[in-house]
Amino acid sequence: MYELNQIVETKKPHVCGSTKWKVIRTGASIKLECEGCKRVIMLDSFELDKRIKKTK
C-alpha cells in the first residue's frame, strides 16, 4: 500500500506545523520523515492508516 519516497498527509500537524511526511521504509512498521523539520518516526501500518488524510 505504501511505497518508498511516497508523500502522505496526516490529519493533525506535527509540532513544526507540517502535515506532510515522506515514507522512507516500509514493512510491518512504516518509517516516516517529516517534510518540515526532517524528524523521523516509526508507526505500525494500521496506526498510520488511522492518522492519514491522503496520499500523493
PDB file of N, CA and C in Angstrom:
ATOM      1  N   MET A   1       0.822  -1.198   0.000  1.00  0.00           N
ATOM      2  CA  MET A   1       0.000   0.000   0.000  1.00  0.00           C
ATOM      3  C   MET A   1       0.863   1.258   0.000  1.00  0.00           C
ATOM      4  N   TYR A   2       1.864   1.305   0.828  1.00  0.00           N
ATOM      5  CA  TYR A   2       2.755   2.462   0.863  1.00  0.00           C
ATOM      6  C   TYR A   2       4.038   2.130   0.120  1.00  0.00           C
ATOM      7  N   GLU A   3       4.574   3.106  -0.600  1.00  0.00           N
ATOM      8  CA  GLU A   3       5.785   2.919  -1.385  1.00  0.00           C
ATOM      9  C   GLU A   3       6.872   3.856  -0.882  1.00  0.00           C
ATOM     10  N   LEU A   4       8.122   3.502  -1.138  1.00  0.00           N
ATOM     11  CA  LEU A   4       9.241   4.361  -0.757  1.00  0.00           C
ATOM     12  C   LEU A   4       9.128   5.709  -1.446  1.00  0.00           C
ATOM     13  N   ASN A   5       9.502   6.752  -0.729  1.00  0.00           N
ATOM     14  CA  ASN A   5       9.509   8.140  -1.204  1.00  0.00           C
ATOM     15  C   ASN A   5       8.116   8.686  -1.515  1.00  0.00           C
ATOM     16  N   GLN A   6       7.075   7.995  -1.071  1.00  0.00           N
ATOM     17  CA  GLN A   6       5.713   8.484  -1.238  1.00  0.00           C
ATOM     18  C   GLN A   6       5.445   9.552  -0.189  1.00  0.00           C
ATOM     19  N   ILE A   7       4.715  10.590  -0.554  1.00  0.00           N
ATOM     20  CA  ILE A   7       4.355  11.649   0.385  1.00  0.00           C
ATOM     21  C   ILE A   7       2.942  11.380   0.883  1.00  0.00           C
ATOM     22  N   VAL A   8       2.781  11.351   2.211  1.00  0.00           N
ATOM     23  CA  VAL A   8       1.463  11.170   2.824  1.00  0.00           C
ATOM     24  C   VAL A   8       1.150  12.398   3.669  1.00  0.00           C
ATOM     25  N   GLU A   9      -0.136  12.703   3.790  1.00  0.00           N
ATOM     26  CA  GLU A   9      -0.564  13.856   4.570  1.00  0.00           C
ATOM     27  C   GLU A   9      -1.419  13.380   5.735  1.00  0.00           C
ATOM     28  N   THR A  10      -1.076  13.834   6.944  1.00  0.00           N
ATOM     29  CA  THR A  10      -1.805  13.424   8.146  1.00  0.00           C
ATOM     30  C   THR A  10      -2.913  14.422   8.477  1.00  0.00           C
ATOM     31  N   LYS A  11      -3.849  13.966   9.309  1.00  0.00           N
ATOM     32  CA  LYS A  11      -4.966  14.814   9.708  1.00  0.00           C
ATOM     33  C   LYS A  11      -4.498  15.952  10.608  1.00  0.00           C
ATOM     34  N   LYS A  12      -3.652  15.615  11.584  1.00  0.00           N
ATOM     35  CA  LYS A  12      -3.166  16.621  12.522  1.00  0.00           C
ATOM     36  C   LYS A  12      -1.729  17.003  12.162  1.00  0.00           C
ATOM     37  N   PRO A  13      -1.368  18.275  12.332  1.00  0.00           N
ATOM     38  CA  PRO A  13       0.005  18.691  12.008  1.00  0.00           C
ATOM     39  C   PRO A  13       1.017  18.232  13.063  1.00  0.00           C
ATOM     40  N   HIS A  14       2.255  18.106  12.632  1.00  0.00           N
ATOM     41  CA  HIS A  14       3.375  17.822  13.529  1.00  0.00           C
ATOM     42  C   HIS A  14       3.642  19.085  14.338  1.00  0.00           C
ATOM     43  N   VAL A  15       4.463  19.015  15.342  1.00  0.00           N
ATOM     44  CA  VAL A  15       4.776  20.153  16.198  1.00  0.00           C
ATOM     45  C   VAL A  15       5.348  21.321  15.374  1.00  0.00           C
ATOM     46  N   CYS A  16       6.089  21.009  14.320  1.00  0.00           N
ATOM     47  CA  CYS A  16       6.684  22.049  13.478  1.00  0.00           C
ATOM     48  C   CYS A  16       5.647  22.706  12.571  1.00  0.00           C
ATOM     49  N   GLY A  17       4.454  22.138  12.458  1.00  0.00           N
ATOM     50  CA  GLY A  17       3.395  22.711  11.646  1.00  0.00           C
ATOM     51  C   GLY A  17       3.151  22.002  10.326  1.00  0.00           C
ATOM     52  N   SER A  18       4.025  21.109   9.933  1.00  0.00           N
ATOM     53  CA  SER A  18       3.887  20.397   8.665  1.00  0.00           C
ATOM     54  C   SER A  18       2.962  19.190   8.818  1.00  0.00           C
ATOM     55  N   THR A  19       2.184  18.905   7.775  1.00  0.00           N
ATOM     56  CA  THR A  19       1.330  17.721   7.771  1.00  0.00           C
ATOM     57  C   THR A  19       1.803  16.710   6.734  1.00  0.00           C
ATOM     58  N   LYS A  20       2.910  16.992   6.065  1.00  0.00           N
ATOM     59  CA  LYS A  20       3.404  16.105   5.009  1.00  0.00           C
ATOM     60  C   LYS A  20       4.587  15.280   5.508  1.00  0.00           C
ATOM     61  N   TRP A  21       4.532  13.979   5.217  1.00  0.00           N
ATOM     62  CA  TRP A  21       5.550  13.023   5.629  1.00  0.00           C
ATOM     63  C   TRP A  21       6.008  12.212   4.429  1.00  0.00           C
ATOM     64  N   LYS A  22       7.276  11.858   4.400  1.00  0.00           N
ATOM     65  CA  LYS A  22       7.848  11.051   3.328  1.00  0.00           C
ATOM     66  C   LYS A  22       8.112   9.647   3.867  1.00  0.00           C
ATOM     67  N   VAL A  23       7.655   8.624   3.147  1.00  0.00           N
ATOM     68  CA  VAL A  23       7.863   7.229   3.545  1.00  0.00           C
ATOM     69  C   VAL A  23       9.308   6.855   3.192  1.00  0.00           C
ATOM     70  N   ILE A  24      10.102   6.477   4.201  1.00  0.00           N
ATOM     71  CA  ILE A  24      11.496   6.107   3.942  1.00  0.00           C
ATOM     72  C   ILE A  24      11.791   4.638   4.228  1.00  0.00           C
ATOM     73  N   ARG A  25      10.804   3.906   4.796  1.00  0.00           N
ATOM     74  CA  ARG A  25      10.950   2.467   4.991  1.00  0.00           C
ATOM     75  C   ARG A  25       9.564   1.859   5.110  1.00  0.00           C
ATOM     76  N   THR A  26       9.373   0.702   4.480  1.00  0.00           N
ATOM     77  CA  THR A  26       8.087   0.012   4.564  1.00  0.00           C
ATOM     78  C   THR A  26       8.273  -1.362   5.174  1.00  0.00           C
ATOM     79  N   GLY A  27       7.193  -1.985   5.518  1.00  0.00           N
ATOM     80  CA  GLY A  27       7.207  -3.310   6.138  1.00  0.00           C
ATOM     81  C   GLY A  27       6.100  -3.362   7.169  1.00  0.00           C
ATOM     82  N   ALA A  28       6.304  -4.124   8.244  1.00  0.00           N
ATOM     83  CA  ALA A  28       5.316  -4.187   9.318  1.00  0.00           C
ATOM     84  C   ALA A  28       5.180  -2.815   9.979  1.00  0.00           C
ATOM     85  N   SER A  29       6.300  -2.118  10.119  1.00  0.00           N
ATOM     86  CA  SER A  29       6.307  -0.740  10.611  1.00  0.00           C
ATOM     87  C   SER A  29       6.737   0.169   9.475  1.00  0.00           C
ATOM     88  N   ILE A  30       6.151   1.350   9.437  1.00  0.00           N
ATOM     89  CA  ILE A  30       6.452   2.324   8.397  1.00  0.00           C
ATOM     90  C   ILE A  30       7.308   3.422   9.027  1.00  0.00           C
ATOM     91  N   LYS A  31       8.440   3.738   8.413  1.00  0.00           N
ATOM     92  CA  LYS A  31       9.295   4.817   8.894  1.00  0.00           C
ATOM     93  C   LYS A  31       8.999   6.058   8.057  1.00  0.00           C
ATOM     94  N   LEU A  32       8.703   7.163   8.751  1.00  0.00           N
ATOM     95  CA  LEU A  32       8.329   8.408   8.096  1.00  0.00           C
ATOM     96  C   LEU A  32       9.287   9.520   8.472  1.00  0.00           C
ATOM     97  N   GLU A  33       9.524  10.433   7.526  1.00  0.00           N
ATOM     98  CA  GLU A  33      10.359  11.603   7.772  1.00  0.00           C
ATOM     99  C   GLU A  33       9.503  12.842   7.530  1.00  0.00           C
ATOM    100  N   CYS A  34       9.472  13.735   8.515  1.00  0.00           N
ATOM    101  CA  CYS A  34       8.698  14.966   8.402  1.00  0.00           C
ATOM    102  C   CYS A  34       9.321  15.847   7.322  1.00  0.00           C
ATOM    103  N   GLU A  35       8.482  16.387   6.442  1.00  0.00           N
ATOM    104  CA  GLU A  35       8.970  17.243   5.373  1.00  0.00           C
ATOM    105  C   GLU A  35       9.355  18.626   5.887  1.00  0.00           C
ATOM    106  N   GLY A  36       8.858  19.010   7.051  1.00  0.00           N
ATOM    107  CA  GLY A  36       9.161  20.324   7.603  1.00  0.00           C
ATOM    108  C   GLY A  36      10.475  20.365   8.368  1.00  0.00           C
ATOM    109  N   CYS A  37      10.624  19.476   9.372  1.00  0.00           N
ATOM    110  CA  CYS A  37      11.786  19.532  10.257  1.00  0.00           C
ATOM    111  C   CYS A  37      12.714  18.329  10.121  1.00  0.00           C
ATOM    112  N   LYS A  38      12.374  17.363   9.259  1.00  0.00           N
ATOM    113  CA  LYS A  38      13.191  16.171   8.980  1.00  0.00           C
ATOM    114  C   LYS A  38      13.274  15.194  10.147  1.00  0.00           C
ATOM    115  N   ARG A  39      12.365  15.282  11.118  1.00  0.00           N
ATOM    116  CA  ARG A  39      12.324  14.303  12.210  1.00  0.00           C
ATOM    117  C   ARG A  39      11.818  12.979  11.668  1.00  0.00           C
ATOM    118  N   VAL A  40      12.346  11.876  12.194  1.00  0.00           N
ATOM    119  CA  VAL A  40      11.977  10.542  11.729  1.00  0.00           C
ATOM    120  C   VAL A  40      11.196   9.833  12.825  1.00  0.00           C
ATOM    121  N   ILE A  41      10.056   9.223  12.429  1.00  0.00           N
ATOM    122  CA  ILE A  41       9.249   8.434  13.361  1.00  0.00           C
ATOM    123  C   ILE A  41       8.922   7.099  12.713  1.00  0.00           C
ATOM    124  N   MET A  42       8.514   6.122  13.538  1.00  0.00           N
ATOM    125  CA  MET A  42       8.061   4.832  13.038  1.00  0.00           C
ATOM    126  C   MET A  42       6.658   4.568  13.580  1.00  0.00           C
ATOM    127  N   LEU A  43       5.776   4.119  12.696  1.00  0.00           N
ATOM    128  CA  LEU A  43       4.405   3.774  13.073  1.00  0.00           C
ATOM    129  C   LEU A  43       4.056   2.416  12.482  1.00  0.00           C
ATOM    130  N   ASP A  44       3.186   1.690  13.179  1.00  0.00           N
ATOM    131  CA  ASP A  44       2.633   0.471  12.593  1.00  0.00           C
ATOM    132  C   ASP A  44       1.740   0.884  11.428  1.00  0.00           C
ATOM    133  N   SER A  45       1.599   0.012  10.462  1.00  0.00           N
ATOM    134  CA  SER A  45       0.814   0.360   9.271  1.00  0.00           C
ATOM    135  C   SER A  45      -0.652   0.636   9.621  1.00  0.00           C
ATOM    136  N   PHE A  46      -1.231  -0.117  10.563  1.00  0.00           N
ATOM    137  CA  PHE A  46      -2.628   0.143  10.927  1.00  0.00           C
ATOM    138  C   PHE A  46      -2.782   1.470  11.663  1.00  0.00           C
ATOM    139  N   GLU A  47      -1.764   1.880  12.423  1.00  0.00           N
ATOM    140  CA  GLU A  47      -1.801   3.172  13.118  1.00  0.00           C
ATOM    141  C   GLU A  47      -1.703   4.314  12.107  1.00  0.00           C
ATOM    142  N   LEU A  48      -0.866   4.149  11.104  1.00  0.00           N
ATOM    143  CA  LEU A  48      -0.735   5.163  10.053  1.00  0.00           C
ATOM    144  C   LEU A  48      -2.037   5.285   9.265  1.00  0.00           C
ATOM    145  N   ASP A  49      -2.710   4.169   9.015  1.00  0.00           N
ATOM    146  CA  ASP A  49      -3.985   4.199   8.294  1.00  0.00           C
ATOM    147  C   ASP A  49      -5.013   5.069   9.016  1.00  0.00           C
ATOM    148  N   LYS A  50      -5.003   5.063  10.341  1.00  0.00           N
ATOM    149  CA  LYS A  50      -5.938   5.864  11.124  1.00  0.00           C
ATOM    150  C   LYS A  50      -5.588   7.360  11.068  1.00  0.00           C
ATOM    151  N   ARG A  51      -4.297   7.671  10.997  1.00  0.00           N
ATOM    152  CA  ARG A  51      -3.854   9.069  11.052  1.00  0.00           C
ATOM    153  C   ARG A  51      -3.783   9.757   9.693  1.00  0.00           C
ATOM    154  N   ILE A  52      -3.900   9.005   8.614  1.00  0.00           N
ATOM    155  CA  ILE A  52      -3.650   9.560   7.294  1.00  0.00           C
ATOM    156  C   ILE A  52      -4.864  10.281   6.735  1.00  0.00           C
ATOM    157  N   LYS A  53      -4.604  11.374   6.048  1.00  0.00           N
ATOM    158  CA  LYS A  53      -5.645  12.150   5.390  1.00  0.00           C
ATOM    159  C   LYS A  53      -5.693  11.801   3.916  1.00  0.00           C
ATOM    160  N   LYS A  54      -4.535  11.844   3.237  1.00  0.00           N
ATOM    161  CA  LYS A  54      -4.472  11.476   1.834  1.00  0.00           C
ATOM    162  C   LYS A  54      -3.032  11.150   1.439  1.00  0.00           C
ATOM    163  N   THR A  55      -2.887  10.471   0.313  1.00  0.00           N
ATOM    164  CA  THR A  55      -1.570  10.138  -0.222  1.00  0.00           C
ATOM    165  C   THR A  55      -1.406  10.812  -1.564  1.00  0.00           C
ATOM    166  N   LYS A  56      -0.158  11.027  -1.948  1.00  0.00           N
ATOM    167  CA  LYS A  56       0.130  11.653  -3.243  1.00  0.00           C
ATOM    168  C   LYS A  56       0.952  10.744  -4.090  1.00  0.00           C
TER     169      LYS A  56
END
